[in-house]
C-alpha cells in the first residue's frame, strides 16, 4: 500500500470568463495533509521599486511556488496528478 501523502495528490486549475468579460483563474490543492499546509501557507508579493510585479502562493520553507499572478496581465499554476 502507498503511504506517502503525495501518493494521492490531484491538483486542478480552471479558467473561466464571466458574462461581463472578467477572466477568473482558480485552482485547488487536493493534498491529504491540507490542515498542515494551512499553518505554513504564504502569500508573497514580489516587488521592485515599491511596485508589486507579481504575487505567488507557496508553503514555508519551500523556496518555489505553484501559483502566481501578475495582476492585469497573466496567471500561472503548476498542477499534478499522481495516478
N, C-alpha and C. Protein backbone atom coordinates (compact mmCIF):
# COMPACT_ATOMS: atom_id res chain seq x y z
N UNK A 1 0.84 -1.19 0.00
CA UNK A 1 0.00 0.00 0.00
C UNK A 1 0.88 1.24 0.00
N UNK A 2 0.43 2.28 -0.69
CA UNK A 2 1.17 3.53 -0.73
C UNK A 2 0.88 4.31 0.55
N UNK A 3 1.95 4.83 1.18
CA UNK A 3 1.77 5.54 2.44
C UNK A 3 2.10 7.03 2.35
N UNK A 4 2.71 7.45 1.27
CA UNK A 4 3.07 8.86 1.12
C UNK A 4 1.82 9.71 0.94
N UNK A 5 1.72 10.86 1.65
CA UNK A 5 0.57 11.74 1.42
C UNK A 5 0.55 12.30 0.01
N UNK A 6 1.68 12.30 -0.67
CA UNK A 6 1.74 12.78 -2.05
C UNK A 6 1.19 11.75 -3.03
N UNK A 7 0.99 10.52 -2.57
CA UNK A 7 0.50 9.46 -3.46
C UNK A 7 -0.90 9.76 -3.96
N UNK A 8 -1.62 10.65 -3.31
CA UNK A 8 -2.99 10.94 -3.69
C UNK A 8 -3.15 12.38 -4.15
N UNK A 9 -2.05 13.02 -4.53
CA UNK A 9 -2.10 14.42 -4.96
C UNK A 9 -2.90 14.54 -6.25
N UNK A 10 -3.73 15.55 -6.33
CA UNK A 10 -4.53 15.78 -7.52
C UNK A 10 -4.89 17.25 -7.60
N UNK A 11 -4.02 18.05 -8.12
CA UNK A 11 -4.27 19.49 -8.24
C UNK A 11 -5.04 19.76 -9.53
N UNK A 12 -5.90 20.75 -9.47
CA UNK A 12 -6.72 21.10 -10.62
C UNK A 12 -6.77 22.61 -10.77
N UNK A 13 -6.62 23.10 -11.99
CA UNK A 13 -6.78 24.52 -12.29
C UNK A 13 -7.89 24.71 -13.30
N UNK A 14 -8.55 25.86 -13.24
CA UNK A 14 -9.63 26.15 -14.18
C UNK A 14 -9.59 27.64 -14.53
N UNK A 15 -9.90 27.95 -15.77
CA UNK A 15 -10.00 29.34 -16.23
C UNK A 15 -11.40 29.52 -16.80
N UNK A 16 -12.06 30.59 -16.40
CA UNK A 16 -13.42 30.87 -16.88
C UNK A 16 -13.56 32.35 -17.18
N UNK A 17 -14.56 32.69 -17.97
CA UNK A 17 -14.85 34.08 -18.28
C UNK A 17 -16.30 34.37 -17.93
N UNK A 18 -16.51 35.47 -17.19
CA UNK A 18 -17.87 35.86 -16.80
C UNK A 18 -18.58 36.51 -17.98
N UNK A 19 -19.87 36.70 -17.82
CA UNK A 19 -20.65 37.34 -18.90
C UNK A 19 -20.21 38.78 -19.14
N UNK A 20 -19.55 39.39 -18.13
CA UNK A 20 -19.06 40.77 -18.31
C UNK A 20 -17.65 40.80 -18.89
N UNK A 21 -17.06 39.61 -19.14
CA UNK A 21 -15.74 39.54 -19.75
C UNK A 21 -14.60 39.35 -18.78
N UNK A 22 -14.89 39.35 -17.49
CA UNK A 22 -13.83 39.16 -16.49
C UNK A 22 -13.29 37.73 -16.53
N UNK A 23 -11.98 37.59 -16.56
CA UNK A 23 -11.33 36.28 -16.56
C UNK A 23 -11.04 35.89 -15.11
N UNK A 24 -11.39 34.67 -14.75
CA UNK A 24 -11.16 34.16 -13.40
C UNK A 24 -10.32 32.89 -13.51
N UNK A 25 -9.26 32.80 -12.71
CA UNK A 25 -8.38 31.64 -12.68
C UNK A 25 -8.40 31.09 -11.27
N UNK A 26 -8.85 29.87 -11.12
CA UNK A 26 -8.91 29.23 -9.80
C UNK A 26 -8.16 27.92 -9.81
N UNK A 27 -7.83 27.45 -8.61
CA UNK A 27 -7.16 26.15 -8.50
C UNK A 27 -7.34 25.60 -7.11
N UNK A 28 -7.14 24.30 -6.97
CA UNK A 28 -7.18 23.67 -5.66
C UNK A 28 -5.93 22.82 -5.47
N UNK A 29 -5.69 22.44 -4.25
CA UNK A 29 -4.60 21.53 -3.90
C UNK A 29 -5.23 20.41 -3.08
N UNK A 30 -5.45 19.27 -3.69
CA UNK A 30 -6.14 18.17 -3.02
C UNK A 30 -5.17 17.26 -2.27
N UNK A 31 -4.36 17.83 -1.43
CA UNK A 31 -3.45 17.01 -0.64
C UNK A 31 -4.15 16.47 0.59
N UNK A 32 -3.74 15.28 1.02
CA UNK A 32 -4.32 14.67 2.22
C UNK A 32 -3.87 15.39 3.49
N UNK A 33 -2.91 16.29 3.39
CA UNK A 33 -2.39 16.99 4.56
C UNK A 33 -2.70 18.49 4.50
N UNK A 34 -3.91 18.81 4.06
CA UNK A 34 -4.33 20.21 3.92
C UNK A 34 -4.27 20.97 5.24
N UNK A 35 -4.63 20.34 6.33
CA UNK A 35 -4.58 21.01 7.64
C UNK A 35 -3.17 21.46 7.96
N UNK A 36 -2.18 20.67 7.64
CA UNK A 36 -0.78 21.03 7.87
C UNK A 36 -0.40 22.22 7.01
N UNK A 37 -0.83 22.23 5.75
CA UNK A 37 -0.49 23.32 4.84
C UNK A 37 -1.10 24.65 5.28
N UNK A 38 -2.25 24.60 5.94
CA UNK A 38 -2.88 25.84 6.40
C UNK A 38 -1.95 26.67 7.27
N UNK A 39 -1.14 26.02 8.07
CA UNK A 39 -0.28 26.75 9.01
C UNK A 39 1.03 27.24 8.39
N UNK A 40 1.33 26.80 7.17
CA UNK A 40 2.59 27.22 6.54
C UNK A 40 2.39 27.88 5.18
N UNK A 41 1.13 28.17 4.81
CA UNK A 41 0.84 28.82 3.53
C UNK A 41 1.25 30.29 3.57
N UNK A 42 1.95 30.73 2.54
CA UNK A 42 2.43 32.11 2.44
C UNK A 42 1.94 32.73 1.14
N UNK A 43 1.48 33.96 1.21
CA UNK A 43 1.18 34.76 0.01
C UNK A 43 2.29 35.81 -0.06
N UNK A 44 3.08 35.75 -1.14
CA UNK A 44 4.29 36.58 -1.26
C UNK A 44 4.14 37.55 -2.42
N UNK A 45 4.36 38.83 -2.16
CA UNK A 45 4.40 39.84 -3.22
C UNK A 45 5.85 40.07 -3.62
N UNK A 46 6.15 39.87 -4.88
CA UNK A 46 7.48 40.15 -5.41
C UNK A 46 7.45 41.56 -5.97
N UNK A 47 8.31 42.42 -5.46
CA UNK A 47 8.24 43.84 -5.81
C UNK A 47 9.59 44.38 -6.27
N UNK A 48 9.52 45.45 -7.04
CA UNK A 48 10.70 46.19 -7.47
C UNK A 48 10.34 47.67 -7.40
N UNK A 49 11.21 48.43 -6.79
CA UNK A 49 10.99 49.88 -6.65
C UNK A 49 9.62 50.21 -6.05
N UNK A 50 9.20 49.40 -5.07
CA UNK A 50 7.94 49.64 -4.38
C UNK A 50 6.69 49.23 -5.13
N UNK A 51 6.83 48.62 -6.31
CA UNK A 51 5.68 48.20 -7.11
C UNK A 51 5.64 46.68 -7.17
N UNK A 52 4.48 46.09 -6.87
CA UNK A 52 4.33 44.64 -6.93
C UNK A 52 4.39 44.17 -8.38
N UNK A 53 5.33 43.26 -8.66
CA UNK A 53 5.46 42.69 -10.00
C UNK A 53 4.52 41.50 -10.17
N UNK A 54 4.50 40.62 -9.17
CA UNK A 54 3.56 39.51 -9.16
C UNK A 54 3.41 38.99 -7.75
N UNK A 55 2.35 38.24 -7.54
CA UNK A 55 2.02 37.66 -6.24
C UNK A 55 2.01 36.15 -6.41
N UNK A 56 2.57 35.44 -5.45
CA UNK A 56 2.63 33.98 -5.52
C UNK A 56 2.19 33.37 -4.19
N UNK A 57 1.69 32.14 -4.27
CA UNK A 57 1.34 31.37 -3.08
C UNK A 57 2.35 30.24 -2.97
N UNK A 58 2.89 30.05 -1.77
CA UNK A 58 3.87 28.98 -1.54
C UNK A 58 3.67 28.44 -0.13
N UNK A 59 4.46 27.48 0.24
CA UNK A 59 4.39 26.87 1.56
C UNK A 59 5.77 26.93 2.19
N UNK A 60 5.88 27.60 3.34
CA UNK A 60 7.16 27.73 4.01
C UNK A 60 7.65 26.40 4.51
N UNK A 61 8.93 26.15 4.43
CA UNK A 61 10.01 27.00 3.92
C UNK A 61 10.37 26.72 2.46
N UNK A 62 9.42 26.29 1.66
CA UNK A 62 9.65 25.99 0.25
C UNK A 62 10.05 27.26 -0.52
N UNK A 63 11.16 27.24 -1.26
CA UNK A 63 11.60 28.44 -1.99
C UNK A 63 10.95 28.59 -3.37
N UNK A 64 10.02 27.71 -3.72
CA UNK A 64 9.37 27.77 -5.03
C UNK A 64 7.89 28.06 -4.85
N UNK A 65 7.15 28.15 -5.96
CA UNK A 65 5.71 28.37 -5.86
C UNK A 65 4.99 27.60 -6.96
N UNK A 66 3.72 27.28 -6.70
CA UNK A 66 2.88 26.57 -7.65
C UNK A 66 1.82 27.46 -8.29
N UNK A 67 1.61 28.63 -7.73
CA UNK A 67 0.58 29.54 -8.20
C UNK A 67 1.12 30.97 -8.18
N UNK A 68 0.90 31.72 -9.24
CA UNK A 68 1.34 33.12 -9.26
C UNK A 68 0.45 33.92 -10.20
N UNK A 69 0.37 35.23 -9.93
CA UNK A 69 -0.42 36.11 -10.77
C UNK A 69 0.32 37.44 -10.94
N UNK A 70 0.32 37.94 -12.14
CA UNK A 70 0.73 39.32 -12.41
C UNK A 70 -0.57 40.04 -12.71
N UNK A 71 -1.03 40.82 -11.73
CA UNK A 71 -2.35 41.44 -11.81
C UNK A 71 -2.51 42.24 -13.10
N UNK A 72 -3.63 42.01 -13.78
CA UNK A 72 -3.93 42.70 -15.02
C UNK A 72 -3.21 42.15 -16.23
N UNK A 73 -2.48 41.03 -16.05
CA UNK A 73 -1.68 40.51 -17.15
C UNK A 73 -1.85 39.01 -17.36
N UNK A 74 -1.41 38.18 -16.38
CA UNK A 74 -1.48 36.72 -16.54
C UNK A 74 -1.42 36.03 -15.19
N UNK A 75 -1.76 34.74 -15.19
CA UNK A 75 -1.60 33.91 -14.01
C UNK A 75 -1.10 32.54 -14.45
N UNK A 76 -0.43 31.84 -13.55
CA UNK A 76 0.11 30.52 -13.85
C UNK A 76 -0.13 29.59 -12.66
N UNK A 77 -0.29 28.31 -12.95
CA UNK A 77 -0.33 27.28 -11.91
C UNK A 77 0.42 26.06 -12.40
N UNK A 78 0.93 25.32 -11.46
CA UNK A 78 1.54 24.01 -11.72
C UNK A 78 0.60 23.00 -11.10
N UNK A 79 0.05 22.11 -11.90
CA UNK A 79 -0.89 21.11 -11.42
C UNK A 79 -0.30 19.72 -11.60
N UNK A 80 -0.78 18.78 -10.81
CA UNK A 80 -0.18 17.46 -10.79
C UNK A 80 -1.24 16.39 -10.54
N UNK A 81 -1.08 15.26 -11.18
CA UNK A 81 -1.88 14.07 -10.89
C UNK A 81 -0.91 12.91 -10.76
N UNK A 82 -1.00 12.22 -9.64
CA UNK A 82 -0.08 11.12 -9.40
C UNK A 82 -0.65 9.76 -9.78
N UNK A 83 -1.92 9.70 -10.16
CA UNK A 83 -2.44 8.43 -10.62
C UNK A 83 -3.29 8.63 -11.84
